[in-house]
Amino acid sequence: MSMSDTLTLLGVFAMAGAATSLTRLSFIALEGKLRLPAWFRHALQFVPAAILTALITPDLLLRNGALALGFDNHRLLAAIVAVVVAAWSRSVGLTIAIGMGVLILLEML
């Protein structure tokens, strides 16, 4: 890699870091100064669940790019057990422990 390539790459990293920092800082700096509409604040409550779902779903449902809904999909089976445990117990720690335990047991079989 030449020196100009290295400098270009460092510049891209610096700009990406600055853009990320400014975006996050804007929400912190504007807290309390900007009054968001009630409907918007209500909609923001669903963002974490939507993002988590978007991150997890492909890993649960796809194997090698193909839909895997069978009993050989151990991650999906462990996730189903974890959802049941979460609904029953309302305990994050217990849900993670049992979900991971089921996944490990299924992988060992």
Protein backbone atom coordinates (compact mmCIF):
# COMPACT_ATOMS: atom_id res chain seq x y z
CA MET A 1 0.00 0.00 0.00
CA SER A 2 1.43 3.34 -1.03
CA MET A 3 1.64 6.40 1.19
CA SER A 4 -1.19 8.16 -0.66
CA ASP A 5 -3.42 5.09 -0.25
CA THR A 6 -2.65 5.04 3.46
CA LEU A 7 -3.43 8.75 3.82
CA THR A 8 -6.66 8.33 1.85
CA LEU A 9 -7.71 5.45 4.08
CA LEU A 10 -6.88 7.41 7.23
CA GLY A 11 -8.87 10.36 5.87
CA VAL A 12 -11.88 8.14 5.22
CA PHE A 13 -11.64 6.73 8.74
CA ALA A 14 -11.38 10.22 10.23
CA MET A 15 -14.39 11.49 8.26
CA ALA A 16 -16.47 8.43 9.15
CA GLY A 17 -15.56 8.85 12.81
CA ALA A 18 -16.40 12.55 12.73
CA ALA A 19 -19.74 11.90 11.03
CA THR A 20 -20.63 9.23 13.58
CA SER A 21 -19.59 11.40 16.52
CA LEU A 22 -21.46 14.47 15.27
CA THR A 23 -24.61 12.47 14.63
CA ARG A 24 -24.56 11.02 18.14
CA LEU A 25 -23.53 14.29 19.75
CA SER A 26 -26.40 16.14 18.09
CA PHE A 27 -28.93 14.06 20.02
CA ILE A 28 -27.07 14.66 23.29
CA ALA A 29 -26.60 18.40 22.68
CA LEU A 30 -30.23 18.94 21.65
CA GLU A 31 -31.68 16.99 24.59
CA GLY A 32 -34.14 19.22 26.39
CA LYS A 33 -33.75 22.08 23.89
CA LEU A 34 -35.79 20.53 21.12
CA ARG A 35 -39.35 19.43 21.80
CA LEU A 36 -40.25 16.39 19.71
CA PRO A 37 -43.89 15.68 18.90
CA ALA A 38 -45.54 13.05 21.08
CA TRP A 39 -46.19 10.73 18.13
CA PHE A 40 -42.47 10.85 17.23
CA ARG A 41 -41.34 10.09 20.79
CA HIS A 42 -43.82 7.21 20.87
CA ALA A 43 -42.44 5.87 17.57
CA LEU A 44 -38.87 6.07 18.89
CA GLN A 45 -39.75 3.57 21.62
CA PHE A 46 -39.94 0.85 18.95
CA VAL A 47 -36.56 1.54 17.35
CA PRO A 48 -34.42 -0.71 19.63
CA ALA A 49 -36.71 -3.71 19.14
CA ALA A 50 -36.81 -3.14 15.38
CA ILE A 51 -33.03 -2.88 15.13
CA LEU A 52 -32.48 -5.98 17.27
CA THR A 53 -34.97 -7.92 15.16
CA ALA A 54 -33.27 -6.82 11.94
CA LEU A 55 -29.89 -7.94 13.29
CA ILE A 56 -30.99 -11.30 14.68
CA THR A 57 -33.55 -12.57 12.15
CA PRO A 58 -31.18 -13.34 9.24
CA ASP A 59 -28.88 -15.30 11.55
CA LEU A 60 -31.80 -17.34 12.87
CA LEU A 61 -33.60 -18.05 9.61
CA LEU A 62 -30.83 -18.37 7.02
CA ARG A 63 -28.16 -20.99 6.58
CA ASN A 64 -25.73 -20.54 3.67
CA GLY A 65 -28.11 -17.98 2.17
CA ALA A 66 -31.11 -20.32 2.11
CA LEU A 67 -34.14 -20.32 4.37
CA ALA A 68 -33.72 -22.96 7.11
CA LEU A 69 -36.93 -23.63 9.02
CA GLY A 70 -36.36 -27.30 9.86
CA PHE A 71 -35.50 -29.06 13.10
CA ASP A 72 -31.84 -29.06 12.07
CA ASN A 73 -31.70 -25.28 12.60
CA HIS A 74 -30.43 -25.30 16.18
CA ARG A 75 -30.29 -21.52 16.50
CA LEU A 76 -33.95 -21.18 15.58
CA LEU A 77 -34.98 -23.90 18.05
CA ALA A 78 -32.94 -22.28 20.84
CA ALA A 79 -34.47 -18.89 20.00
CA ILE A 80 -37.99 -20.33 20.23
CA VAL A 81 -37.17 -21.77 23.65
CA ALA A 82 -35.66 -18.42 24.69
CA VAL A 83 -38.81 -16.54 23.62
CA VAL A 84 -40.97 -18.90 25.68
CA VAL A 85 -38.67 -18.49 28.71
CA ALA A 86 -38.68 -14.69 28.29
CA ALA A 87 -42.47 -14.57 28.13
CA TRP A 88 -42.77 -16.83 31.16
CA SER A 89 -40.03 -15.44 33.40
CA ARG A 90 -39.51 -11.81 32.26
CA SER A 91 -35.86 -12.34 33.27
CA VAL A 92 -33.14 -11.36 30.80
CA GLY A 93 -30.45 -13.39 32.56
CA LEU A 94 -32.54 -16.55 32.75
CA THR A 95 -33.57 -16.16 29.11
CA ILE A 96 -29.96 -15.84 27.94
CA ALA A 97 -28.75 -18.71 30.14
CA ILE A 98 -31.46 -21.14 29.04
CA GLY A 99 -31.31 -20.06 25.38
CA MET A 100 -27.54 -20.54 25.26
CA GLY A 101 -27.79 -23.79 27.19
CA VAL A 102 -30.32 -25.19 24.72
CA LEU A 103 -28.14 -24.08 21.79
CA ILE A 104 -25.05 -25.72 23.28
CA LEU A 105 -26.94 -28.95 23.98
CA LEU A 106 -28.38 -29.06 20.46
CA GLU A 107 -24.95 -28.41 18.93
CA MET A 108 -23.45 -31.24 21.01
CA LEU A 109 -26.01 -33.77 19.76
